[in-house]
Amino acid sequence: MKKIAIVLVIMVLALLAAVLLQSSDIAIIVNGQRLVGPAKLATEGWGVLVAIVALFSVAILLVFVFAGVGLIVLGVLVLAGLLAVWFAFPFLLPLLIPLFLVWIFVAAVRRSTQSGA
């Protein structure tokens, strides 16, 4: 089981790295000139958003499948990724807050069912 968890975490991190390194074909013209540099990176932030949503989705899935130290490590990785995205793309944080709230709700429901059983 632990080997499968490690493989899944590595696959999710590889997906995140692939999305971060992938260049998109987005072209935004402002005053007749294309955006370059940090502005172009900000327009490509949607790929990073998709990767972060996938990471959160897999993290929620792993909450139900795996437990123990691997879960704590995965939670730390997700929070580190959230902080990295927050510093890189602060305008995307309001989109990630609902996912975090869903995660907390699922964890609370899971905890209450385990204590009642």
PDB file of N, CA and C in Angstrom:
ATOM      1  N   MET A   1       0.812  -1.193   0.000  1.00  0.00           N
ATOM      2  CA  MET A   1       0.000   0.000   0.000  1.00  0.00           C
ATOM      3  C   MET A   1       0.860   1.264   0.000  1.00  0.00           C
ATOM      4  N   LYS A   2       1.937   1.233   0.789  1.00  0.00           N
ATOM      5  CA  LYS A   2       2.779   2.416   0.868  1.00  0.00           C
ATOM      6  C   LYS A   2       3.466   2.697  -0.460  1.00  0.00           C
ATOM      7  N   LYS A   3       3.816   1.645  -1.187  1.00  0.00           N
ATOM      8  CA  LYS A   3       4.460   1.841  -2.488  1.00  0.00           C
ATOM      9  C   LYS A   3       3.495   2.484  -3.471  1.00  0.00           C
ATOM     10  N   ILE A   4       2.238   2.082  -3.403  1.00  0.00           N
ATOM     11  CA  ILE A   4       1.237   2.681  -4.287  1.00  0.00           C
ATOM     12  C   ILE A   4       1.055   4.152  -3.950  1.00  0.00           C
ATOM     13  N   ALA A   5       1.036   4.484  -2.661  1.00  0.00           N
ATOM     14  CA  ALA A   5       0.889   5.878  -2.243  1.00  0.00           C
ATOM     15  C   ALA A   5       2.056   6.716  -2.737  1.00  0.00           C
ATOM     16  N   ILE A   6       3.253   6.172  -2.619  1.00  0.00           N
ATOM     17  CA  ILE A   6       4.437   6.910  -3.079  1.00  0.00           C
ATOM     18  C   ILE A   6       4.378   7.124  -4.591  1.00  0.00           C
ATOM     19  N   VAL A   7       3.976   6.105  -5.330  1.00  0.00           N
ATOM     20  CA  VAL A   7       3.864   6.230  -6.784  1.00  0.00           C
ATOM     21  C   VAL A   7       2.817   7.277  -7.154  1.00  0.00           C
ATOM     22  N   LEU A   8       1.665   7.290  -6.452  1.00  0.00           N
ATOM     23  CA  LEU A   8       0.631   8.272  -6.738  1.00  0.00           C
ATOM     24  C   LEU A   8       1.110   9.698  -6.454  1.00  0.00           C
ATOM     25  N   VAL A   9       1.809   9.892  -5.357  1.00  0.00           N
ATOM     26  CA  VAL A   9       2.316  11.225  -5.027  1.00  0.00           C
ATOM     27  C   VAL A   9       3.325  11.672  -6.078  1.00  0.00           C
ATOM     28  N   ILE A  10       4.203  10.777  -6.506  1.00  0.00           N
ATOM     29  CA  ILE A  10       5.185  11.121  -7.536  1.00  0.00           C
ATOM     30  C   ILE A  10       4.488  11.463  -8.850  1.00  0.00           C
ATOM     31  N   MET A  11       3.432  10.720  -9.185  1.00  0.00           N
ATOM     32  CA  MET A  11       2.703  11.010 -10.424  1.00  0.00           C
ATOM     33  C   MET A  11       2.017  12.375 -10.360  1.00  0.00           C
ATOM     34  N   VAL A  12       1.449  12.718  -9.209  1.00  0.00           N
ATOM     35  CA  VAL A  12       0.796  14.020  -9.066  1.00  0.00           C
ATOM     36  C   VAL A  12       1.827  15.143  -9.161  1.00  0.00           C
ATOM     37  N   LEU A  13       2.972  14.959  -8.522  1.00  0.00           N
ATOM     38  CA  LEU A  13       4.010  15.980  -8.607  1.00  0.00           C
ATOM     39  C   LEU A  13       4.554  16.111 -10.034  1.00  0.00           C
ATOM     40  N   ALA A  14       4.659  14.993 -10.750  1.00  0.00           N
ATOM     41  CA  ALA A  14       5.092  15.052 -12.146  1.00  0.00           C
ATOM     42  C   ALA A  14       4.072  15.787 -13.002  1.00  0.00           C
ATOM     43  N   LEU A  15       2.794  15.562 -12.745  1.00  0.00           N
ATOM     44  CA  LEU A  15       1.750  16.284 -13.475  1.00  0.00           C
ATOM     45  C   LEU A  15       1.840  17.776 -13.204  1.00  0.00           C
ATOM     46  N   LEU A  16       2.037  18.140 -11.956  1.00  0.00           N
ATOM     47  CA  LEU A  16       2.168  19.553 -11.604  1.00  0.00           C
ATOM     48  C   LEU A  16       3.385  20.173 -12.290  1.00  0.00           C
ATOM     49  N   ALA A  17       4.505  19.469 -12.300  1.00  0.00           N
ATOM     50  CA  ALA A  17       5.708  19.981 -12.960  1.00  0.00           C
ATOM     51  C   ALA A  17       5.488  20.123 -14.462  1.00  0.00           C
ATOM     52  N   ALA A  18       4.796  19.166 -15.070  1.00  0.00           N
ATOM     53  CA  ALA A  18       4.538  19.251 -16.512  1.00  0.00           C
ATOM     54  C   ALA A  18       3.669  20.446 -16.847  1.00  0.00           C
ATOM     55  N   VAL A  19       2.678  20.713 -16.016  1.00  0.00           N
ATOM     56  CA  VAL A  19       1.803  21.859 -16.274  1.00  0.00           C
ATOM     57  C   VAL A  19       2.562  23.165 -16.074  1.00  0.00           C
ATOM     58  N   LEU A  20       3.409  23.209 -15.061  1.00  0.00           N
ATOM     59  CA  LEU A  20       4.164  24.436 -14.820  1.00  0.00           C
ATOM     60  C   LEU A  20       5.160  24.731 -15.947  1.00  0.00           C
ATOM     61  N   LEU A  21       5.725  23.685 -16.533  1.00  0.00           N
ATOM     62  CA  LEU A  21       6.734  23.879 -17.573  1.00  0.00           C
ATOM     63  C   LEU A  21       6.133  23.998 -18.969  1.00  0.00           C
ATOM     64  N   GLN A  22       4.870  23.681 -19.114  1.00  0.00           N
ATOM     65  CA  GLN A  22       4.233  23.717 -20.428  1.00  0.00           C
ATOM     66  C   GLN A  22       3.908  25.153 -20.810  1.00  0.00           C
ATOM     67  N   SER A  23       4.268  25.514 -22.011  1.00  0.00           N
ATOM     68  CA  SER A  23       3.958  26.843 -22.515  1.00  0.00           C
ATOM     69  C   SER A  23       2.634  26.788 -23.254  1.00  0.00           C
ATOM     70  N   SER A  24       1.835  27.802 -23.062  1.00  0.00           N
ATOM     71  CA  SER A  24       0.537  27.817 -23.728  1.00  0.00           C
ATOM     72  C   SER A  24       0.576  28.742 -24.936  1.00  0.00           C
ATOM     73  N   ASP A  25      -0.489  28.681 -25.731  1.00  0.00           N
ATOM     74  CA  ASP A  25      -0.587  29.515 -26.920  1.00  0.00           C
ATOM     75  C   ASP A  25      -1.398  30.774 -26.667  1.00  0.00           C
ATOM     76  N   ILE A  26      -1.526  31.161 -25.423  1.00  0.00           N
ATOM     77  CA  ILE A  26      -2.291  32.354 -25.098  1.00  0.00           C
ATOM     78  C   ILE A  26      -1.522  33.589 -25.543  1.00  0.00           C
ATOM     79  N   ALA A  27      -2.193  34.461 -26.256  1.00  0.00           N
ATOM     80  CA  ALA A  27      -1.583  35.721 -26.679  1.00  0.00           C
ATOM     81  C   ALA A  27      -2.553  36.843 -26.359  1.00  0.00           C
ATOM     82  N   ILE A  28      -2.142  37.744 -25.486  1.00  0.00           N
ATOM     83  CA  ILE A  28      -2.965  38.892 -25.132  1.00  0.00           C
ATOM     84  C   ILE A  28      -2.257  40.133 -25.655  1.00  0.00           C
ATOM     85  N   ILE A  29      -2.994  40.916 -26.414  1.00  0.00           N
ATOM     86  CA  ILE A  29      -2.445  42.124 -27.024  1.00  0.00           C
ATOM     87  C   ILE A  29      -2.934  43.327 -26.231  1.00  0.00           C
ATOM     88  N   VAL A  30      -2.000  44.134 -25.750  1.00  0.00           N
ATOM     89  CA  VAL A  30      -2.324  45.364 -25.045  1.00  0.00           C
ATOM     90  C   VAL A  30      -1.621  46.504 -25.769  1.00  0.00           C
ATOM     91  N   ASN A  31      -2.398  47.480 -26.239  1.00  0.00           N
ATOM     92  CA  ASN A  31      -1.859  48.631 -26.983  1.00  0.00           C
ATOM     93  C   ASN A  31      -1.012  48.197 -28.178  1.00  0.00           C
ATOM     94  N   GLY A  32      -1.441  47.120 -28.834  1.00  0.00           N
ATOM     95  CA  GLY A  32      -0.763  46.677 -30.044  1.00  0.00           C
ATOM     96  C   GLY A  32       0.462  45.815 -29.812  1.00  0.00           C
ATOM     97  N   GLN A  33       0.807  45.509 -28.568  1.00  0.00           N
ATOM     98  CA  GLN A  33       1.992  44.693 -28.301  1.00  0.00           C
ATOM     99  C   GLN A  33       1.588  43.483 -27.456  1.00  0.00           C
ATOM    100  N   ARG A  34       2.273  42.363 -27.708  1.00  0.00           N
ATOM    101  CA  ARG A  34       2.005  41.136 -26.952  1.00  0.00           C
ATOM    102  C   ARG A  34       2.560  41.251 -25.540  1.00  0.00           C
ATOM    103  N   LEU A  35       1.900  40.580 -24.632  1.00  0.00           N
ATOM    104  CA  LEU A  35       2.403  40.529 -23.263  1.00  0.00           C
ATOM    105  C   LEU A  35       3.604  39.597 -23.195  1.00  0.00           C
ATOM    106  N   VAL A  36       4.623  40.004 -22.451  1.00  0.00           N
ATOM    107  CA  VAL A  36       5.812  39.171 -22.247  1.00  0.00           C
ATOM    108  C   VAL A  36       6.200  39.243 -20.776  1.00  0.00           C
ATOM    109  N   GLY A  37       7.069  38.357 -20.382  1.00  0.00           N
ATOM    110  CA  GLY A  37       7.591  38.363 -19.018  1.00  0.00           C
ATOM    111  C   GLY A  37       6.565  37.940 -17.991  1.00  0.00           C
ATOM    112  N   PRO A  38       6.516  38.647 -16.857  1.00  0.00           N
ATOM    113  CA  PRO A  38       5.604  38.249 -15.784  1.00  0.00           C
ATOM    114  C   PRO A  38       4.128  38.313 -16.189  1.00  0.00           C
ATOM    115  N   ALA A  39       3.787  39.237 -17.058  1.00  0.00           N
ATOM    116  CA  ALA A  39       2.387  39.338 -17.485  1.00  0.00           C
ATOM    117  C   ALA A  39       1.986  38.094 -18.292  1.00  0.00           C
ATOM    118  N   LYS A  40       2.877  37.592 -19.123  1.00  0.00           N
ATOM    119  CA  LYS A  40       2.581  36.382 -19.890  1.00  0.00           C
ATOM    120  C   LYS A  40       2.481  35.183 -18.946  1.00  0.00           C
ATOM    121  N   LEU A  41       3.340  35.137 -17.946  1.00  0.00           N
ATOM    122  CA  LEU A  41       3.287  34.058 -16.959  1.00  0.00           C
ATOM    123  C   LEU A  41       1.962  34.086 -16.203  1.00  0.00           C
ATOM    124  N   ALA A  42       1.470  35.282 -15.903  1.00  0.00           N
ATOM    125  CA  ALA A  42       0.191  35.397 -15.199  1.00  0.00           C
ATOM    126  C   ALA A  42      -0.960  34.908 -16.070  1.00  0.00           C
ATOM    127  N   THR A  43      -0.882  35.139 -17.380  1.00  0.00           N
ATOM    128  CA  THR A  43      -1.952  34.660 -18.259  1.00  0.00           C
ATOM    129  C   THR A  43      -1.928  33.151 -18.391  1.00  0.00           C
ATOM    130  N   GLU A  44      -0.775  32.544 -18.192  1.00  0.00           N
ATOM    131  CA  GLU A  44      -0.672  31.090 -18.261  1.00  0.00           C
ATOM    132  C   GLU A  44      -0.998  30.439 -16.920  1.00  0.00           C
ATOM    133  N   GLY A  45      -1.444  31.222 -15.964  1.00  0.00           N
ATOM    134  CA  GLY A  45      -1.755  30.706 -14.632  1.00  0.00           C
ATOM    135  C   GLY A  45      -2.905  29.726 -14.598  1.00  0.00           C
ATOM    136  N   TRP A  46      -3.721  29.697 -15.656  1.00  0.00           N
ATOM    137  CA  TRP A  46      -4.851  28.778 -15.658  1.00  0.00           C
ATOM    138  C   TRP A  46      -4.376  27.327 -15.698  1.00  0.00           C
ATOM    139  N   GLY A  47      -3.284  27.060 -16.361  1.00  0.00           N
ATOM    140  CA  GLY A  47      -2.736  25.702 -16.351  1.00  0.00           C
ATOM    141  C   GLY A  47      -2.309  25.294 -14.957  1.00  0.00           C
ATOM    142  N   VAL A  48      -1.723  26.240 -14.234  1.00  0.00           N
ATOM    143  CA  VAL A  48      -1.330  25.964 -12.856  1.00  0.00           C
ATOM    144  C   VAL A  48      -2.567  25.746 -11.993  1.00  0.00           C
ATOM    145  N   LEU A  49      -3.619  26.509 -12.251  1.00  0.00           N
ATOM    146  CA  LEU A  49      -4.856  26.332 -11.494  1.00  0.00           C
ATOM    147  C   LEU A  49      -5.424  24.933 -11.703  1.00  0.00           C
ATOM    148  N   VAL A  50      -5.411  24.448 -12.924  1.00  0.00           N
ATOM    149  CA  VAL A  50      -5.906  23.099 -13.208  1.00  0.00           C
ATOM    150  C   VAL A  50      -5.060  22.065 -12.456  1.00  0.00           C
ATOM    151  N   ALA A  51      -3.756  22.256 -12.443  1.00  0.00           N
ATOM    152  CA  ALA A  51      -2.887  21.313 -11.740  1.00  0.00           C
ATOM    153  C   ALA A  51      -3.147  21.333 -10.236  1.00  0.00           C
ATOM    154  N   ILE A  52      -3.356  22.497  -9.670  1.00  0.00           N
ATOM    155  CA  ILE A  52      -3.613  22.603  -8.235  1.00  0.00           C
ATOM    156  C   ILE A  52      -4.961  21.969  -7.890  1.00  0.00           C
ATOM    157  N   VAL A  53      -5.967  22.189  -8.737  1.00  0.00           N
ATOM    158  CA  VAL A  53      -7.271  21.550  -8.489  1.00  0.00           C
ATOM    159  C   VAL A  53      -7.124  20.032  -8.552  1.00  0.00           C
ATOM    160  N   ALA A  54      -6.344  19.545  -9.522  1.00  0.00           N
ATOM    161  CA  ALA A  54      -6.114  18.097  -9.605  1.00  0.00           C
ATOM    162  C   ALA A  54      -5.380  17.607  -8.365  1.00  0.00           C
ATOM    163  N   LEU A  55      -4.421  18.378  -7.891  1.00  0.00           N
ATOM    164  CA  LEU A  55      -3.682  17.996  -6.685  1.00  0.00           C
ATOM    165  C   LEU A  55      -4.598  17.932  -5.470  1.00  0.00           C
ATOM    166  N   PHE A  56      -5.476  18.921  -5.329  1.00  0.00           N
ATOM    167  CA  PHE A  56      -6.427  18.904  -4.227  1.00  0.00           C
ATOM    168  C   PHE A  56      -7.389  17.727  -4.349  1.00  0.00           C
ATOM    169  N   SER A  57      -7.826  17.438  -5.556  1.00  0.00           N
ATOM    170  CA  SER A  57      -8.748  16.319  -5.753  1.00  0.00           C
ATOM    171  C   SER A  57      -8.090  14.992  -5.372  1.00  0.00           C
ATOM    172  N   VAL A  58      -6.857  14.811  -5.793  1.00  0.00           N
ATOM    173  CA  VAL A  58      -6.138  13.585  -5.436  1.00  0.00           C
ATOM    174  C   VAL A  58      -5.877  13.539  -3.939  1.00  0.00           C
ATOM    175  N   ALA A  59      -5.601  14.685  -3.339  1.00  0.00           N
ATOM    176  CA  ALA A  59      -5.377  14.727  -1.893  1.00  0.00           C
ATOM    177  C   ALA A  59      -6.637  14.319  -1.143  1.00  0.00           C
ATOM    178  N   ILE A  60      -7.791  14.800  -1.591  1.00  0.00           N
ATOM    179  CA  ILE A  60      -9.047  14.421  -0.953  1.00  0.00           C
ATOM    180  C   ILE A  60      -9.289  12.924  -1.126  1.00  0.00           C
ATOM    181  N   LEU A  61      -8.983  12.395  -2.311  1.00  0.00           N
ATOM    182  CA  LEU A  61      -9.124  10.960  -2.526  1.00  0.00           C
ATOM    183  C   LEU A  61      -8.208  10.168  -1.602  1.00  0.00           C
ATOM    184  N   LEU A  62      -6.983  10.631  -1.456  1.00  0.00           N
ATOM    185  CA  LEU A  62      -6.035   9.913  -0.610  1.00  0.00           C
ATOM    186  C   LEU A  62      -6.397   9.991   0.866  1.00  0.00           C
ATOM    187  N   VAL A  63      -7.167  11.008   1.265  1.00  0.00           N
ATOM    188  CA  VAL A  63      -7.635  11.080   2.651  1.00  0.00           C
ATOM    189  C   VAL A  63      -8.458   9.852   2.972  1.00  0.00           C
ATOM    190  N   PHE A  64      -9.278   9.418   2.011  1.00  0.00           N
ATOM    191  CA  PHE A  64     -10.135   8.274   2.261  1.00  0.00           C
ATOM    192  C   PHE A  64      -9.410   6.947   2.050  1.00  0.00           C
ATOM    193  N   VAL A  65      -8.358   6.936   1.258  1.00  0.00           N
ATOM    194  CA  VAL A  65      -7.695   5.683   0.923  1.00  0.00           C
ATOM    195  C   VAL A  65      -6.527   5.387   1.866  1.00  0.00           C
ATOM    196  N   PHE A  66      -5.715   6.372   2.121  1.00  0.00           N
ATOM    197  CA  PHE A  66      -4.519   6.155   2.927  1.00  0.00           C
ATOM    198  C   PHE A  66      -4.579   6.957   4.221  1.00  0.00           C
ATOM    199  N   ALA A  67      -3.850   6.532   5.218  1.00  0.00           N
ATOM    200  CA  ALA A  67      -3.799   7.242   6.496  1.00  0.00           C
ATOM    201  C   ALA A  67      -2.366   7.194   7.014  1.00  0.00           C
ATOM    202  N   GLY A  68      -2.106   7.945   8.061  1.00  0.00           N
ATOM    203  CA  GLY A  68      -0.804   7.895   8.714  1.00  0.00           C
ATOM    204  C   GLY A  68       0.137   8.983   8.250  1.00  0.00           C
ATOM    205  N   VAL A  69       1.400   8.649   8.261  1.00  0.00           N
ATOM    206  CA  VAL A  69       2.457   9.616   7.970  1.00  0.00           C
ATOM    207  C   VAL A  69       2.385  10.104   6.525  1.00  0.00           C
ATOM    208  N   GLY A  70       2.011   9.220   5.604  1.00  0.00           N
ATOM    209  CA  GLY A  70       1.896   9.626   4.203  1.00  0.00           C
ATOM    210  C   GLY A  70       0.880  10.730   4.020  1.00  0.00           C
ATOM    211  N   LEU A  71      -0.193  10.696   4.776  1.00  0.00           N
ATOM    212  CA  LEU A  71      -1.211  11.738   4.704  1.00  0.00           C
ATOM    213  C   LEU A  71      -0.675  13.070   5.208  1.00  0.00           C
ATOM    214  N   ILE A  72       0.091  13.027   6.267  1.00  0.00           N
ATOM    215  CA  ILE A  72       0.683  14.255   6.797  1.00  0.00           C
ATOM    216  C   ILE A  72       1.661  14.840   5.786  1.00  0.00           C
ATOM    217  N   VAL A  73       2.487  14.006   5.181  1.00  0.00           N
ATOM    218  CA  VAL A  73       3.436  14.473   4.171  1.00  0.00           C
ATOM    219  C   VAL A  73       2.691  15.066   2.979  1.00  0.00           C
ATOM    220  N   LEU A  74       1.638  14.405   2.543  1.00  0.00           N
ATOM    221  CA  LEU A  74       0.855  14.916   1.425  1.00  0.00           C
ATOM    222  C   LEU A  74       0.209  16.252   1.777  1.00  0.00           C
ATOM    223  N   GLY A  75      -0.305  16.373   2.986  1.00  0.00           N
ATOM    224  CA  GLY A  75      -0.887  17.647   3.418  1.00  0.00           C
ATOM    225  C   GLY A  75       0.136  18.764   3.419  1.00  0.00           C
ATOM    226  N   VAL A  76       1.343  18.470   3.868  1.00  0.00           N
ATOM    227  CA  VAL A  76       2.411  19.477   3.852  1.00  0.00           C
ATOM    228  C   VAL A  76       2.746  19.875   2.416  1.00  0.00           C
ATOM    229  N   LEU A  77       2.791  18.887   1.509  1.00  0.00           N
ATOM    230  CA  LEU A  77       3.062  19.200   0.110  1.00  0.00           C
ATOM    231  C   LEU A  77       1.958  20.064  -0.509  1.00  0.00           C
ATOM    232  N   VAL A  78       0.723  19.766  -0.186  1.00  0.00           N
ATOM    233  CA  VAL A  78      -0.392  20.562  -0.711  1.00  0.00           C
ATOM    234  C   VAL A  78      -0.324  21.986  -0.169  1.00  0.00           C
ATOM    235  N   LEU A  79      -0.071  22.134   1.119  1.00  0.00           N
ATOM    236  CA  LEU A  79       0.027  23.478   1.686  1.00  0.00           C
ATOM    237  C   LEU A  79       1.223  24.238   1.116  1.00  0.00           C
ATOM    238  N   ALA A  80       2.335  23.539   0.892  1.00  0.00           N
ATOM    239  CA  ALA A  80       3.491  24.199   0.274  1.00  0.00           C
ATOM    240  C   ALA A  80       3.154  24.635  -1.149  1.00  0.00           C
ATOM    241  N   GLY A  81       2.437  23.786  -1.879  1.00  0.00           N
ATOM    242  CA  GLY A  81       2.013  24.165  -3.226  1.00  0.00           C
ATOM    243  C   GLY A  81       1.053  25.341  -3.200  1.00  0.00           C
ATOM    244  N   LEU A  82       0.140  25.355  -2.236  1.00  0.00           N
ATOM    245  CA  LEU A  82      -0.792  26.467  -2.111  1.00  0.00           C
ATOM    246  C   LEU A  82      -0.054  27.764  -1.825  1.00  0.00           C
ATOM    247  N   LEU A  83       0.931  27.711  -0.938  1.00  0.00           N
ATOM    248  CA  LEU A  83       1.717  28.913  -0.650  1.00  0.00           C
ATOM    249  C   LEU A  83       2.507  29.373  -1.869  1.00  0.00           C
ATOM    250  N   ALA A  84       3.075  28.421  -2.602  1.00  0.00           N
ATOM    251  CA  ALA A  84       3.833  28.788  -3.810  1.00  0.00           C
ATOM    252  C   ALA A  84       2.930  29.448  -4.836  1.00  0.00           C
ATOM    253  N   VAL A  85       1.739  28.899  -5.026  1.00  0.00           N
ATOM    254  CA  VAL A  85       0.799  29.498  -5.986  1.00  0.00           C
ATOM    255  C   VAL A  85       0.309  30.839  -5.473  1.00  0.00           C
ATOM    256  N   TRP A  86       0.112  30.937  -4.161  1.00  0.00           N
ATOM    257  CA  TRP A  86      -0.353  32.198  -3.591  1.00  0.00           C
ATOM    258  C   TRP A  86       0.673  33.312  -3.855  1.00  0.00           C
ATOM    259  N   PHE A  87       1.957  33.006  -3.699  1.00  0.00           N
ATOM    260  CA  PHE A  87       2.975  34.020  -3.951  1.00  0.00           C
ATOM    261  C   PHE A  87       3.133  34.311  -5.440  1.00  0.00           C
ATOM    262  N   ALA A  88       2.978  33.288  -6.281  1.00  0.00           N
ATOM    263  CA  ALA A  88       3.155  33.485  -7.714  1.00  0.00           C
ATOM    264  C   ALA A  88       1.928  34.128  -8.359  1.00  0.00           C
ATOM    265  N   PHE A  89       0.731  33.692  -7.949  1.00  0.00           N
ATOM    266  CA  PHE A  89      -0.517  34.161  -8.554  1.00  0.00           C
ATOM    267  C   PHE A  89      -1.514  34.515  -7.450  1.00  0.00           C
ATOM    268  N   PRO A  90      -1.369  35.660  -6.809  1.00  0.00           N
ATOM    269  CA  PRO A  90      -2.261  35.977  -5.687  1.00  0.00           C
ATOM    270  C   PRO A  90      -3.725  36.140  -6.095  1.00  0.00           C
ATOM    271  N   PHE A  91      -4.005  36.427  -7.357  1.00  0.00           N
ATOM    272  CA  PHE A  91      -5.389  36.595  -7.793  1.00  0.00           C
ATOM    273  C   PHE A  91      -6.120  35.262  -7.907  1.00  0.00           C
ATOM    274  N   LEU A  92      -5.401  34.118  -7.881  1.00  0.00           N
ATOM    275  CA  LEU A  92      -6.044  32.805  -7.967  1.00  0.00           C
ATOM    276  C   LEU A  92      -6.460  32.257  -6.610  1.00  0.00           C
ATOM    277  N   LEU A  93      -5.997  32.874  -5.519  1.00  0.00           N
ATOM    278  CA  LEU A  93      -6.307  32.355  -4.195  1.00  0.00           C
ATOM    279  C   LEU A  93      -7.805  32.283  -3.921  1.00  0.00           C
ATOM    280  N   PRO A  94      -8.616  33.281  -4.297  1.00  0.00           N
ATOM    281  CA  PRO A  94     -10.065  33.152  -4.042  1.00  0.00           C
ATOM    282  C   PRO A  94     -10.696  31.946  -4.732  1.00  0.00           C
ATOM    283  N   LEU A  95     -10.104  31.449  -5.785  1.00  0.00           N
ATOM    284  CA  LEU A  95     -10.633  30.265  -6.444  1.00  0.00           C
ATOM    285  C   LEU A  95     -10.286  28.987  -5.685  1.00  0.00           C
ATOM    286  N   LEU A  96      -9.204  29.015  -4.908  1.00  0.00           N
ATOM    287  CA  LEU A  96      -8.780  27.826  -4.182  1.00  0.00           C
ATOM    288  C   LEU A  96      -9.409  27.713  -2.796  1.00  0.00           C
ATOM    289  N   ILE A  97      -9.918  28.810  -2.261  1.00  0.00           N
ATOM    290  CA  ILE A  97     -10.503  28.789  -0.926  1.00  0.00           C
ATOM    291  C   ILE A  97     -11.697  27.839  -0.848  1.00  0.00           C
ATOM    292  N   PRO A  98     -12.629  27.820  -1.819  1.00  0.00           N
ATOM    293  CA  PRO A  98     -13.733  26.852  -1.724  1.00  0.00           C
ATOM    294  C   PRO A  98     -13.259  25.399  -1.702  1.00  0.00           C
ATOM    295  N   LEU A  99     -12.219  25.078  -2.437  1.00  0.00           N
ATOM    296  CA  LEU A  99     -11.693  23.714  -2.403  1.00  0.00           C
ATOM    297  C   LEU A  99     -11.166  23.366  -1.017  1.00  0.00           C
ATOM    298  N   PHE A 100     -10.512  24.309  -0.388  1.00  0.00           N
ATOM    299  CA  PHE A 100      -9.999  24.085   0.960  1.00  0.00           C
ATOM    300  C   PHE A 100     -11.148  23.878   1.943  1.00  0.00           C
ATOM    301  N   LEU A 101     -12.223  24.654   1.794  1.00  0.00           N
ATOM    302  CA  LEU A 101     -13.372  24.496   2.675  1.00  0.00           C
ATOM    303  C   LEU A 101     -14.039  23.136   2.492  1.00  0.00           C
ATOM    304  N   VAL A 102     -14.134  22.666   1.252  1.00  0.00           N
ATOM    305  CA  VAL A 102     -14.694  21.339   0.999  1.00  0.00           C
ATOM    306  C   VAL A 102     -13.819  20.276   1.654  1.00  0.00           C
ATOM    307  N   TRP A 103     -12.512  20.443   1.547  1.00  0.00           N
ATOM    308  CA  TRP A 103     -11.586  19.493   2.147  1.00  0.00           C
ATOM    309  C   TRP A 103     -11.783  19.437   3.667  1.00  0.00           C
ATOM    310  N   ILE A 104     -11.904  20.599   4.308  1.00  0.00           N
ATOM    311  CA  ILE A 104     -12.104  20.646   5.756  1.00  0.00           C
ATOM    312  C   ILE A 104     -13.439  20.004   6.126  1.00  0.00           C
ATOM    313  N   PHE A 105     -14.492  20.271   5.351  1.00  0.00           N
ATOM    314  CA  PHE A 105     -15.803  19.682   5.630  1.00  0.00           C
ATOM    315  C   PHE A 105     -15.754  18.163   5.543  1.00  0.00           C
ATOM    316  N   VAL A 106     -15.110  17.638   4.502  1.00  0.00           N
ATOM    317  CA  VAL A 106     -15.011  16.182   4.344  1.00  0.00           C
ATOM    318  C   VAL A 106     -14.209  15.580   5.490  1.00  0.00           C
ATOM    319  N   ALA A 107     -13.149  16.237   5.906  1.00  0.00           N
ATOM    320  CA  ALA A 107     -12.345  15.733   7.021  1.00  0.00           C
ATOM    321  C   ALA A 107     -13.153  15.734   8.314  1.00  0.00           C
ATOM    322  N   ALA A 108     -13.966  16.764   8.534  1.00  0.00           N
ATOM    323  CA  ALA A 108     -14.777  16.842   9.756  1.00  0.00           C
ATOM    324  C   ALA A 108     -15.848  15.746   9.753  1.00  0.00           C
ATOM    325  N   VAL A 109     -16.486  15.532   8.612  1.00  0.00           N
ATOM    326  CA  VAL A 109     -17.498  14.487   8.521  1.00  0.00           C
ATOM    327  C   VAL A 109     -16.862  13.122   8.743  1.00  0.00           C
ATOM    328  N   ARG A 110     -15.718  12.917   8.162  1.00  0.00           N
ATOM    329  CA  ARG A 110     -15.023  11.634   8.316  1.00  0.00           C
ATOM    330  C   ARG A 110     -14.641  11.402   9.769  1.00  0.00           C
ATOM    331  N   ARG A 111     -14.162  12.447  10.434  1.00  0.00           N
ATOM    332  CA  ARG A 111     -13.764  12.331  11.843  1.00  0.00           C
ATOM    333  C   ARG A 111     -14.980  12.025  12.723  1.00  0.00           C
ATOM    334  N   SER A 112     -16.137  12.668  12.436  1.00  0.00           N
ATOM    335  CA  SER A 112     -17.314  12.428  13.262  1.00  0.00           C
ATOM    336  C   SER A 112     -17.862  11.014  13.054  1.00  0.00           C
ATOM    337  N   THR A 113     -17.759  10.480  11.838  1.00  0.00           N
ATOM    338  CA  THR A 113     -18.237   9.110  11.608  1.00  0.00           C
ATOM    339  C   THR A 113     -17.316   8.093  12.254  1.00  0.00           C
ATOM    340  N   GLN A 114     -16.026   8.368  12.315  1.00  0.00           N
ATOM    341  CA  GLN A 114     -15.091   7.435  12.933  1.00  0.00           C
ATOM    342  C   GLN A 114     -15.261   7.428  14.453  1.00  0.00           C
ATOM    343  N   SER A 115     -15.534   8.585  15.061  1.00  0.00           N
ATOM    344  CA  SER A 115     -15.689   8.637  16.509  1.00  0.00           C
ATOM    345  C   SER A 115     -17.026   8.044  16.944  1.00  0.00           C
ATOM    346  N   GLY A 116     -18.050   8.087  16.072  1.00  0.00           N
ATOM    347  CA  GLY A 116     -19.353   7.534  16.406  1.00  0.00           C
ATOM    348  C   GLY A 116     -19.434   6.032  16.228  1.00  0.00           C
ATOM    349  N   ALA A 117     -18.539   5.460  15.433  1.00  0.00           N
ATOM    350  CA  ALA A 117     -18.599   4.015  15.153  1.00  0.00           C
ATOM    351  C   ALA A 117     -17.862   3.200  16.193  1.00  0.00           C
TER     352      ALA A 117
END
